[in-house]
C-alpha atoms as a PDB file:
ATOM      1  CA  MET A   1      66.096  27.923  35.475  1.00  0.00           C
ATOM      2  CA  LYS A   2      65.828  25.153  37.975  1.00  0.00           C
ATOM      3  CA  ARG A   3      62.382  24.382  39.298  1.00  0.00           C
ATOM      4  CA  ILE A   4      61.893  25.017  43.021  1.00  0.00           C
ATOM      5  CA  SER A   5      60.403  22.033  44.783  1.00  0.00           C
ATOM      6  CA  LYS A   6      57.250  22.310  46.903  1.00  0.00           C
ATOM      7  CA  ILE A   7      59.270  21.469  50.027  1.00  0.00           C
ATOM      8  CA  THR A   8      61.678  24.326  49.309  1.00  0.00           C
ATOM      9  CA  LEU A   9      58.774  26.747  48.840  1.00  0.00           C
ATOM     10  CA  ILE A  10      57.222  25.678  52.146  1.00  0.00           C
ATOM     11  CA  LEU A  11      60.520  26.143  53.959  1.00  0.00           C
ATOM     12  CA  MET A  12      60.969  29.567  52.397  1.00  0.00           C
ATOM     13  CA  ALA A  13      57.448  30.623  53.437  1.00  0.00           C
ATOM     14  CA  ALA A  14      57.972  29.436  56.973  1.00  0.00           C
ATOM     15  CA  ALA A  15      61.235  31.353  57.217  1.00  0.00           C
ATOM     16  CA  SER A  16      59.672  34.572  55.960  1.00  0.00           C
ATOM     17  CA  MET A  17      56.838  34.373  58.487  1.00  0.00           C
ATOM     18  CA  THR A  18      59.295  34.459  61.363  1.00  0.00           C
ATOM     19  CA  ALA A  19      60.714  37.791  60.239  1.00  0.00           C
ATOM     20  CA  CYS A  20      58.953  39.704  63.001  1.00  0.00           C
ATOM     21  CA  GLY A  21      59.762  37.254  65.779  1.00  0.00           C
ATOM     22  CA  LYS A  22      58.644  33.831  66.886  1.00  0.00           C
ATOM     23  CA  VAL A  23      55.145  33.162  68.155  1.00  0.00           C
ATOM     24  CA  GLY A  24      55.003  32.395  71.843  1.00  0.00           C
ATOM     25  CA  GLU A  25      53.613  29.124  73.116  1.00  0.00           C
ATOM     26  CA  ARG A  26      52.580  29.302  76.759  1.00  0.00           C
ATOM     27  CA  SER A  27      49.555  27.906  78.544  1.00  0.00           C
ATOM     28  CA  SER A  28      48.700  27.118  82.143  1.00  0.00           C
ATOM     29  CA  LEU A  29      44.894  27.123  82.142  1.00  0.00           C
ATOM     30  CA  PRO A  30      42.747  24.677  80.181  1.00  0.00           C
ATOM     31  CA  ILE A  31      41.118  27.231  77.895  1.00  0.00           C
ATOM     32  CA  PRO A  32      39.646  25.750  74.730  1.00  0.00           C
ATOM     33  CA  GLN A  33      41.384  26.892  71.610  1.00  0.00           C
ATOM     34  CA  GLN A  34      39.578  29.108  69.146  1.00  0.00           C
ATOM     35  CA  PRO A  35      39.654  27.920  65.546  1.00  0.00           C
ATOM     36  CA  ALA A  36      43.130  28.118  64.073  1.00  0.00           C
ATOM     37  CA  ALA A  37      41.990  30.829  61.687  1.00  0.00           C
ATOM     38  CA  THR A  38      42.986  33.438  64.262  1.00  0.00           C
ATOM     39  CA  VAL A  39      46.608  34.450  64.157  1.00  0.00           C
ATOM     40  CA  THR A  40      47.800  34.080  67.710  1.00  0.00           C
ATOM     41  CA  GLU A  41      44.859  33.627  70.024  1.00  0.00           C
ATOM     42  CA  GLU A  42      45.688  32.573  73.495  1.00  0.00           C
ATOM     43  CA  ALA A  43      44.871  30.635  76.614  1.00  0.00           C
ATOM     44  CA  ALA A  44      45.114  32.226  80.064  1.00  0.00           C
ATOM     45  CA  THR A  45      48.247  32.044  82.203  1.00  0.00           C
ATOM     46  CA  GLY A  46      49.451  33.906  85.368  1.00  0.00           C
ATOM     47  CA  THR A  47      47.289  35.951  87.703  1.00  0.00           C
ATOM     48  CA  SER A  48      48.976  39.160  86.609  1.00  0.00           C
ATOM     49  CA  ALA A  49      48.227  38.744  82.931  1.00  0.00           C
ATOM     50  CA  GLU A  50      45.086  38.711  80.846  1.00  0.00           C
ATOM     51  CA  GLU A  51      46.124  35.776  78.772  1.00  0.00           C
ATOM     52  CA  SER A  52      48.757  33.361  77.607  1.00  0.00           C
ATOM     53  CA  THR A  53      49.115  32.070  74.100  1.00  0.00           C
ATOM     54  CA  THR A  54      48.660  29.107  71.905  1.00  0.00           C
ATOM     55  CA  ALA A  55      50.289  29.572  68.521  1.00  0.00           C
ATOM     56  CA  ALA A  56      48.575  28.939  65.221  1.00  0.00           C
ATOM     57  CA  ASP A  57      50.371  26.761  62.697  1.00  0.00           C
ATOM     58  CA  THR A  58      53.179  29.127  61.779  1.00  0.00           C
ATOM     59  CA  THR A  59      54.312  27.063  58.846  1.00  0.00           C
ATOM     60  CA  THR A  60      51.023  27.401  56.983  1.00  0.00           C
ATOM     61  CA  THR A  61      49.298  30.452  58.516  1.00  0.00           C
ATOM     62  CA  ALA A  62      50.811  33.882  59.074  1.00  0.00           C
ATOM     63  CA  ALA A  63      51.724  34.907  62.550  1.00  0.00           C
ATOM     64  CA  ALA A  64      49.306  37.023  62.066  1.00  0.00           C
ATOM     65  CA  ASP A  65      35.984  42.986  75.403  1.00  0.00           C
ATOM     66  CA  SER A  66      28.662  41.962  77.785  1.00  0.00           C
ATOM     67  CA  SER A  67      28.348  43.488  74.469  1.00  0.00           C
ATOM     68  CA  GLU A  68      26.215  46.622  74.733  1.00  0.00           C
ATOM     69  CA  THR A  69      26.217  48.639  71.549  1.00  0.00           C
ATOM     70  CA  VAL A  70      27.765  52.073  71.468  1.00  0.00           C
ATOM     71  CA  THR A  71      26.958  54.874  69.101  1.00  0.00           C
ATOM     72  CA  THR A  72      29.710  56.714  67.324  1.00  0.00           C
ATOM     73  CA  THR A  73      30.593  60.015  68.925  1.00  0.00           C
ATOM     74  CA  ALA A  74      33.233  62.651  68.468  1.00  0.00           C
ATOM     75  CA  THR A  75      33.760  63.464  72.130  1.00  0.00           C
ATOM     76  CA  ASP A  76      33.366  60.140  73.941  1.00  0.00           C
ATOM     77  CA  THR A  77      35.652  57.475  74.503  1.00  0.00           C
ATOM     78  CA  GLU A  78      42.384  48.317  67.894  1.00  0.00           C
ATOM     79  CA  THR A  79      42.485  47.916  59.406  1.00  0.00           C
ATOM     80  CA  ALA A  80      41.014  45.555  57.477  1.00  0.00           C
ATOM     81  CA  THR A  81      42.913  45.861  54.253  1.00  0.00           C
ATOM     82  CA  GLU A  82      43.761  42.396  53.099  1.00  0.00           C
ATOM     83  CA  ALA A  83      47.244  41.189  53.938  1.00  0.00           C
ATOM     84  CA  PRO A  84      48.436  37.675  53.349  1.00  0.00           C
ATOM     85  CA  ALA A  85      50.418  37.624  56.581  1.00  0.00           C
ATOM     86  CA  ALA A  86      47.764  38.991  58.902  1.00  0.00           C
ATOM     87  CA  ASN A  87      44.119  39.398  57.968  1.00  0.00           C
ATOM     88  CA  THR A  88      43.791  36.283  55.901  1.00  0.00           C
ATOM     89  CA  ALA A  89      44.850  34.234  58.876  1.00  0.00           C
ATOM     90  CA  ALA A  90      43.106  36.187  61.567  1.00  0.00           C
ATOM     91  CA  GLY A  91      39.849  37.287  60.014  1.00  0.00           C
ATOM     92  CA  SER A  92      37.842  34.124  59.442  1.00  0.00           C
ATOM     93  CA  SER A  93      35.004  33.560  61.875  1.00  0.00           C
ATOM     94  CA  ASP A  94      31.281  33.015  61.936  1.00  0.00           C
ATOM     95  CA  ASN A  95      31.137  36.684  62.901  1.00  0.00           C
ATOM     96  CA  THR A  96      31.774  39.418  60.380  1.00  0.00           C
ATOM     97  CA  ALA A  97      33.091  42.953  60.495  1.00  0.00           C
ATOM     98  CA  ALA A  98      31.791  45.978  58.662  1.00  0.00           C
ATOM     99  CA  ALA A  99      33.770  46.966  55.614  1.00  0.00           C
ATOM    100  CA  PRO A 100      36.442  49.551  56.353  1.00  0.00           C
ATOM    101  CA  VAL A 101      36.024  53.051  55.050  1.00  0.00           C
ATOM    102  CA  GLN A 102      39.143  54.828  53.894  1.00  0.00           C
ATOM    103  CA  GLN A 103      38.652  57.944  55.993  1.00  0.00           C
ATOM    104  CA  GLN A 104      41.437  60.269  56.952  1.00  0.00           C
ATOM    105  CA  SER A 105      41.604  60.711  60.711  1.00  0.00           C
ATOM    106  CA  ALA A 106      42.563  63.885  62.526  1.00  0.00           C
ATOM    107  CA  GLN A 107      46.109  62.559  62.662  1.00  0.00           C
ATOM    108  CA  THR A 108      48.311  64.157  60.044  1.00  0.00           C
ATOM    109  CA  GLN A 109      50.028  61.861  57.640  1.00  0.00           C
ATOM    110  CA  THR A 110      53.463  63.449  57.474  1.00  0.00           C
ATOM    111  CA  ALA A 111      56.300  61.470  58.948  1.00  0.00           C
ATOM    112  CA  ASN A 112      57.602  62.940  62.179  1.00  0.00           C
ATOM    113  CA  THR A 113      59.946  60.254  63.346  1.00  0.00           C
ATOM    114  CA  SER A 114      63.642  59.803  62.738  1.00  0.00           C
ATOM    115  CA  SER A 115      62.958  57.297  59.991  1.00  0.00           C
ATOM    116  CA  ASP A 116      60.291  57.347  57.308  1.00  0.00           C
ATOM    117  CA  TYR A 117      60.615  53.586  57.166  1.00  0.00           C
ATOM    118  CA  ASN A 118      59.344  53.249  60.738  1.00  0.00           C
ATOM    119  CA  TYR A 119      56.377  55.544  60.124  1.00  0.00           C
ATOM    120  CA  GLY A 120      52.924  54.000  60.415  1.00  0.00           C
ATOM    121  CA  PRO A 121      49.731  55.662  59.107  1.00  0.00           C
ATOM    122  CA  ALA A 122      46.534  55.949  61.127  1.00  0.00           C
ATOM    123  CA  PRO A 123      44.258  52.900  60.904  1.00  0.00           C
ATOM    124  CA  VAL A 124      41.287  53.111  58.567  1.00  0.00           C
ATOM    125  CA  GLN A 125      37.831  53.404  60.119  1.00  0.00           C
ATOM    126  CA  TYR A 126      34.958  50.933  59.873  1.00  0.00           C
ATOM    127  CA  ASP A 127      31.579  52.185  58.718  1.00  0.00           C
ATOM    128  CA  ASP A 128      29.664  50.788  61.697  1.00  0.00           C
ATOM    129  CA  SER A 129      27.569  53.107  63.892  1.00  0.00           C
ATOM    130  CA  ARG A 130      27.902  50.694  66.802  1.00  0.00           C
ATOM    131  CA  LEU A 131      31.585  51.502  67.134  1.00  0.00           C
ATOM    132  CA  THR A 132      32.970  54.456  69.074  1.00  0.00           C
ATOM    133  CA  TYR A 133      35.580  56.596  67.368  1.00  0.00           C
ATOM    134  CA  ILE A 134      37.402  59.653  68.686  1.00  0.00           C
ATOM    135  CA  ASN A 135      39.561  61.516  66.207  1.00  0.00           C
ATOM    136  CA  GLY A 136      39.679  58.406  64.087  1.00  0.00           C
ATOM    137  CA  VAL A 137      40.668  56.129  66.978  1.00  0.00           C
ATOM    138  CA  LEU A 138      38.519  53.095  67.691  1.00  0.00           C
ATOM    139  CA  ILE A 139      37.865  52.960  71.444  1.00  0.00           C
ATOM    140  CA  ALA A 140      37.477  49.760  73.437  1.00  0.00           C
ATOM    141  CA  ASN A 141      37.748  49.861  77.225  1.00  0.00           C
ATOM    142  CA  LYS A 142      35.534  49.167  80.231  1.00  0.00           C
ATOM    143  CA  SER A 143      33.214  52.050  79.308  1.00  0.00           C
ATOM    144  CA  TYR A 144      32.993  51.470  75.570  1.00  0.00           C
ATOM    145  CA  SER A 145      32.203  48.072  74.147  1.00  0.00           C
ATOM    146  CA  LEU A 146      32.350  46.362  70.787  1.00  0.00           C
ATOM    147  CA  PRO A 147      29.495  44.377  69.233  1.00  0.00           C
ATOM    148  CA  ALA A 148      29.797  40.623  69.583  1.00  0.00           C
ATOM    149  CA  ASP A 149      29.838  40.118  65.827  1.00  0.00           C
ATOM    150  CA  PHE A 150      32.676  42.565  65.208  1.00  0.00           C
ATOM    151  CA  ALA A 151      35.555  40.354  64.110  1.00  0.00           C
ATOM    152  CA  PRO A 152      37.988  42.144  61.782  1.00  0.00           C
ATOM    153  CA  GLY A 153      41.007  39.952  62.466  1.00  0.00           C
ATOM    154  CA  LEU A 154      44.465  41.306  63.081  1.00  0.00           C
ATOM    155  CA  ASP A 155      44.834  44.636  61.307  1.00  0.00           C
ATOM    156  CA  SER A 156      47.310  44.380  58.444  1.00  0.00           C
ATOM    157  CA  THR A 157      48.974  47.765  59.034  1.00  0.00           C
ATOM    158  CA  CYS A 158      49.296  46.984  62.739  1.00  0.00           C
ATOM    159  CA  TYR A 159      50.922  43.678  61.897  1.00  0.00           C
ATOM    160  CA  ASN A 160      53.304  45.144  59.347  1.00  0.00           C
ATOM    161  CA  GLN A 161      54.367  47.905  61.742  1.00  0.00           C
ATOM    162  CA  PHE A 162      54.953  45.337  64.458  1.00  0.00           C
ATOM    163  CA  CYS A 163      57.262  43.453  62.121  1.00  0.00           C
ATOM    164  CA  LYS A 164      59.273  46.653  61.620  1.00  0.00           C
ATOM    165  CA  LEU A 165      59.365  47.176  65.401  1.00  0.00           C
ATOM    166  CA  SER A 166      60.524  43.618  66.007  1.00  0.00           C
ATOM    167  CA  ASN A 167      63.226  43.893  63.361  1.00  0.00           C
ATOM    168  CA  ALA A 168      64.487  47.201  64.786  1.00  0.00           C
ATOM    169  CA  ALA A 169      64.719  45.636  68.255  1.00  0.00           C
ATOM    170  CA  ALA A 170      66.573  42.659  66.814  1.00  0.00           C
ATOM    171  CA  GLN A 171      69.201  44.990  65.383  1.00  0.00           C
ATOM    172  CA  GLU A 172      69.942  45.954  68.982  1.00  0.00           C
ATOM    173  CA  GLY A 173      70.161  42.351  70.110  1.00  0.00           C
ATOM    174  CA  LEU A 174      66.628  42.215  71.534  1.00  0.00           C
ATOM    175  CA  ASN A 175      63.941  39.610  70.891  1.00  0.00           C
ATOM    176  CA  ILE A 176      60.405  41.022  70.757  1.00  0.00           C
ATOM    177  CA  TYR A 177      57.839  38.646  69.319  1.00  0.00           C
ATOM    178  CA  LEU A 178      54.079  38.545  68.940  1.00  0.00           C
ATOM    179  CA  SER A 179      52.361  36.359  71.522  1.00  0.00           C
ATOM    180  CA  SER A 180      48.771  37.606  71.278  1.00  0.00           C
ATOM    181  CA  GLY A 181      46.933  39.391  68.498  1.00  0.00           C
ATOM    182  CA  PHE A 182      43.260  39.387  67.536  1.00  0.00           C
ATOM    183  CA  ARG A 183      40.747  37.550  69.718  1.00  0.00           C
ATOM    184  CA  SER A 184      37.065  37.121  69.001  1.00  0.00           C
ATOM    185  CA  TYR A 185      34.239  37.950  71.432  1.00  0.00           C
ATOM    186  CA  ASP A 186      33.603  34.269  72.124  1.00  0.00           C
ATOM    187  CA  TYR A 187      37.230  33.434  72.736  1.00  0.00           C
ATOM    188  CA  GLN A 188      37.609  36.390  75.106  1.00  0.00           C
ATOM    189  CA  ALA A 189      34.601  35.053  77.003  1.00  0.00           C
ATOM    190  CA  GLN A 190      36.382  31.736  77.493  1.00  0.00           C
ATOM    191  CA  ILE A 191      39.505  33.446  78.800  1.00  0.00           C
ATOM    192  CA  TYR A 192      37.605  35.779  81.128  1.00  0.00           C
ATOM    193  CA  ASN A 193      35.330  33.056  82.518  1.00  0.00           C
ATOM    194  CA  ASN A 194      38.307  30.837  83.324  1.00  0.00           C
ATOM    195  CA  TYR A 195      39.920  33.666  85.286  1.00  0.00           C
ATOM    196  CA  CYS A 196      36.693  34.357  87.155  1.00  0.00           C
ATOM    197  CA  ALA A 197      36.423  30.694  88.079  1.00  0.00           C
ATOM    198  CA  ARG A 198      39.977  30.680  89.345  1.00  0.00           C
ATOM    199  CA  ASP A 199      40.390  34.085  91.033  1.00  0.00           C
ATOM    200  CA  GLY A 200      36.878  35.522  91.320  1.00  0.00           C
ATOM    201  CA  GLN A 201      35.356  38.253  89.194  1.00  0.00           C
ATOM    202  CA  ALA A 202      36.672  41.210  91.215  1.00  0.00           C
ATOM    203  CA  ALA A 203      40.253  40.066  90.785  1.00  0.00           C
ATOM    204  CA  ALA A 204      39.773  39.029  87.169  1.00  0.00           C
ATOM    205  CA  ASP A 205      38.463  42.481  86.289  1.00  0.00           C
ATOM    206  CA  THR A 206      41.798  44.038  87.235  1.00  0.00           C
ATOM    207  CA  TYR A 207      43.719  42.174  84.560  1.00  0.00           C
ATOM    208  CA  SER A 208      41.264  40.623  82.113  1.00  0.00           C
ATOM    209  CA  ALA A 209      38.629  42.269  79.937  1.00  0.00           C
ATOM    210  CA  ARG A 210      35.052  41.086  79.815  1.00  0.00           C
ATOM    211  CA  PRO A 211      33.930  39.849  76.414  1.00  0.00           C
ATOM    212  CA  GLY A 212      33.108  42.780  74.169  1.00  0.00           C
ATOM    213  CA  TYR A 213      35.440  45.148  76.022  1.00  0.00           C
ATOM    214  CA  SER A 214      38.836  43.828  74.983  1.00  0.00           C
ATOM    215  CA  GLU A 215      41.162  45.831  72.761  1.00  0.00           C
ATOM    216  CA  HIS A 216      42.244  42.571  71.210  1.00  0.00           C
ATOM    217  CA  GLN A 217      38.852  42.297  69.530  1.00  0.00           C
ATOM    218  CA  THR A 218      39.640  45.451  67.559  1.00  0.00           C
ATOM    219  CA  GLY A 219      42.548  43.753  65.836  1.00  0.00           C
ATOM    220  CA  LEU A 220      44.780  46.671  66.847  1.00  0.00           C
ATOM    221  CA  ALA A 221      46.321  45.343  70.075  1.00  0.00           C
ATOM    222  CA  ILE A 222      49.308  43.066  70.478  1.00  0.00           C
ATOM    223  CA  ASP A 223      50.774  41.376  73.534  1.00  0.00           C
ATOM    224  CA  VAL A 224      54.440  40.530  73.263  1.00  0.00           C
ATOM    225  CA  ASN A 225      56.752  37.947  74.768  1.00  0.00           C
ATOM    226  CA  GLN A 226      55.888  36.729  78.267  1.00  0.00           C
ATOM    227  CA  ILE A 227      52.369  37.918  79.032  1.00  0.00           C
ATOM    228  CA  ASP A 228      52.938  38.319  82.757  1.00  0.00           C
ATOM    229  CA  ASP A 229      54.980  40.330  85.253  1.00  0.00           C
ATOM    230  CA  SER A 230      58.176  38.475  84.360  1.00  0.00           C
ATOM    231  CA  PHE A 231      58.429  40.729  81.305  1.00  0.00           C
ATOM    232  CA  ILE A 232      58.542  43.898  83.438  1.00  0.00           C
ATOM    233  CA  GLY A 233      61.984  45.488  83.582  1.00  0.00           C
ATOM    234  CA  THR A 234      63.522  43.329  80.881  1.00  0.00           C
ATOM    235  CA  PRO A 235      65.634  45.047  78.219  1.00  0.00           C
ATOM    236  CA  GLU A 236      62.878  44.277  75.728  1.00  0.00           C
ATOM    237  CA  ALA A 237      60.210  45.879  77.942  1.00  0.00           C
ATOM    238  CA  ILE A 238      62.302  49.004  78.453  1.00  0.00           C
ATOM    239  CA  TRP A 239      63.031  49.312  74.747  1.00  0.00           C
ATOM    240  CA  LEU A 240      59.373  48.737  73.863  1.00  0.00           C
ATOM    241  CA  GLU A 241      58.169  51.506  76.176  1.00  0.00           C
ATOM    242  CA  ASN A 242      60.730  53.961  74.805  1.00  0.00           C
ATOM    243  CA  HIS A 243      60.424  53.196  71.104  1.00  0.00           C
ATOM    244  CA  CYS A 244      57.067  51.632  70.228  1.00  0.00           C
ATOM    245  CA  HIS A 245      55.556  55.063  69.420  1.00  0.00           C
ATOM    246  CA  GLU A 246      58.006  55.437  66.551  1.00  0.00           C
ATOM    247  CA  PHE A 247      56.193  52.590  64.828  1.00  0.00           C
ATOM    248  CA  GLY A 248      52.661  53.745  65.708  1.00  0.00           C
ATOM    249  CA  PHE A 249      52.060  51.949  69.016  1.00  0.00           C
ATOM    250  CA  ILE A 250      51.391  53.153  72.560  1.00  0.00           C
ATOM    251  CA  LEU A 251      51.981  51.279  75.794  1.00  0.00           C
ATOM    252  CA  ARG A 252      48.306  50.962  76.605  1.00  0.00           C
ATOM    253  CA  TYR A 253      48.321  50.237  80.345  1.00  0.00           C
ATOM    254  CA  PRO A 254      51.244  52.132  81.928  1.00  0.00           C
ATOM    255  CA  GLN A 255      52.492  51.767  85.461  1.00  0.00           C
ATOM    256  CA  GLY A 256      50.556  53.664  88.138  1.00  0.00           C
ATOM    257  CA  LYS A 257      47.534  54.274  85.891  1.00  0.00           C
ATOM    258  CA  GLN A 258      45.235  51.411  86.946  1.00  0.00           C
ATOM    259  CA  ASP A 259      42.585  53.756  88.355  1.00  0.00           C
ATOM    260  CA  ILE A 260      42.448  55.469  84.974  1.00  0.00           C
ATOM    261  CA  THR A 261      42.746  52.640  82.479  1.00  0.00           C
ATOM    262  CA  GLY A 262      40.946  50.068  84.624  1.00  0.00           C
ATOM    263  CA  TYR A 263      43.787  47.573  84.305  1.00  0.00           C
ATOM    264  CA  GLN A 264      47.018  46.851  86.104  1.00  0.00           C
ATOM    265  CA  TYR A 265      50.376  47.694  84.564  1.00  0.00           C
ATOM    266  CA  GLU A 266      50.988  45.632  81.458  1.00  0.00           C
ATOM    267  CA  SER A 267      54.441  46.179  80.025  1.00  0.00           C
ATOM    268  CA  TRP A 268      53.652  43.733  77.228  1.00  0.00           C
ATOM    269  CA  HIS A 269      50.411  45.245  75.810  1.00  0.00           C
ATOM    270  CA  ILE A 270      50.735  47.737  72.958  1.00  0.00           C
ATOM    271  CA  ARG A 271      47.992  49.354  70.889  1.00  0.00           C
ATOM    272  CA  TYR A 272      48.300  50.611  67.319  1.00  0.00           C
ATOM    273  CA  VAL A 273      47.041  54.164  66.650  1.00  0.00           C
ATOM    274  CA  GLY A 274      49.507  55.398  64.000  1.00  0.00           C
ATOM    275  CA  THR A 275      52.827  57.141  64.492  1.00  0.00           C
ATOM    276  CA  ASP A 276      51.533  60.720  64.639  1.00  0.00           C
ATOM    277  CA  LEU A 277      49.090  60.141  67.496  1.00  0.00           C
ATOM    278  CA  ALA A 278      51.325  57.607  69.225  1.00  0.00           C
ATOM    279  CA  THR A 279      54.137  60.152  69.352  1.00  0.00           C
ATOM    280  CA  GLN A 280      51.823  62.824  70.746  1.00  0.00           C
ATOM    281  CA  ILE A 281      50.491  60.496  73.449  1.00  0.00           C
ATOM    282  CA  HIS A 282      53.973  59.240  74.300  1.00  0.00           C
ATOM    283  CA  ASN A 283      55.358  62.763  74.638  1.00  0.00           C
ATOM    284  CA  SER A 284      52.378  63.838  76.782  1.00  0.00           C
ATOM    285  CA  GLY A 285      52.900  61.065  79.311  1.00  0.00           C
ATOM    286  CA  LEU A 286      49.153  60.465  79.305  1.00  0.00           C
ATOM    287  CA  THR A 287      47.081  57.348  78.848  1.00  0.00           C
ATOM    288  CA  LEU A 288      44.607  57.087  75.984  1.00  0.00           C
ATOM    289  CA  GLU A 289      41.789  57.832  78.475  1.00  0.00           C
ATOM    290  CA  GLU A 290      43.521  60.957  79.774  1.00  0.00           C
ATOM    291  CA  TYR A 291      44.427  62.152  76.303  1.00  0.00           C
ATOM    292  CA  PHE A 292      40.819  61.981  75.095  1.00  0.00           C
ATOM    293  CA  GLY A 293      39.188  62.855  78.434  1.00  0.00           C
ATOM    294  CA  ILE A 294      37.204  59.633  78.805  1.00  0.00           C
ATOM    295  CA  ASP A 295      36.708  57.081  81.576  1.00  0.00           C
ATOM    296  CA  SER A 296      37.084  53.346  81.795  1.00  0.00           C
ATOM    297  CA  TYR A 297      34.807  51.479  84.174  1.00  0.00           C
ATOM    298  CA  TYR A 298      31.939  49.033  83.805  1.00  0.00           C
ATOM    299  CA  HIS A 299      28.730  51.071  83.906  1.00  0.00           C
END
């Protein structure tokens, strides 16, 4: 058998890492980059979006929100299994995350979509009393924060399911790619502070999360394509809203729900919860806050 040269191996690895879409490169504000260990952490861009992106080195690394502590509850309101394409790239930081506990959530684990291949299981839970879980769902919004040292990286199941979603869209001639994945507490602080300096805190709070309150810190949120209002109404945005639940995602900040979610409409922001729960939430027409009966405002 012929030996495969190192150059050939590198080219093959780079090609495989683009299987779930290219990584976006957009930046309009001078936000310092976080260490390249994070998959696709981003700089801020338009006034309607929380952030823009700066890509990590996609040829060598996989394309992979004041921090008050919150106790775990069952009535209050984004896994860290190792994956070469996601967690290895996204998880390194001075901060560490609690080890995940393989707990079964209230979501059933039987496939209920048209394709078993698309089905995504519920994320595992972390054994950390500072985190808030409801029915196995890690909550991060304006009412429920994450500790500053919680840094799990981009969840591997979330990433793998996004690759399936991107490939399914591509089969219909659509291009949906990952532009923003995991962000650390410190990097979110840089993004948020830049927006406050530019637009003022009141305006920034309508589209950007304060550090410790961002879903991106959970490693279970992904922003796709153009992270601004230009994505609204595109074929990709319409397809994403109609089909992302099949792969375990919900459109986290729907149109007309700002008073409930705390954020303006973001057609590009999806959150991984597993296919069972995602399908239930999608069919209900409710937001995550409405579904669990929780609020989202800075207390």
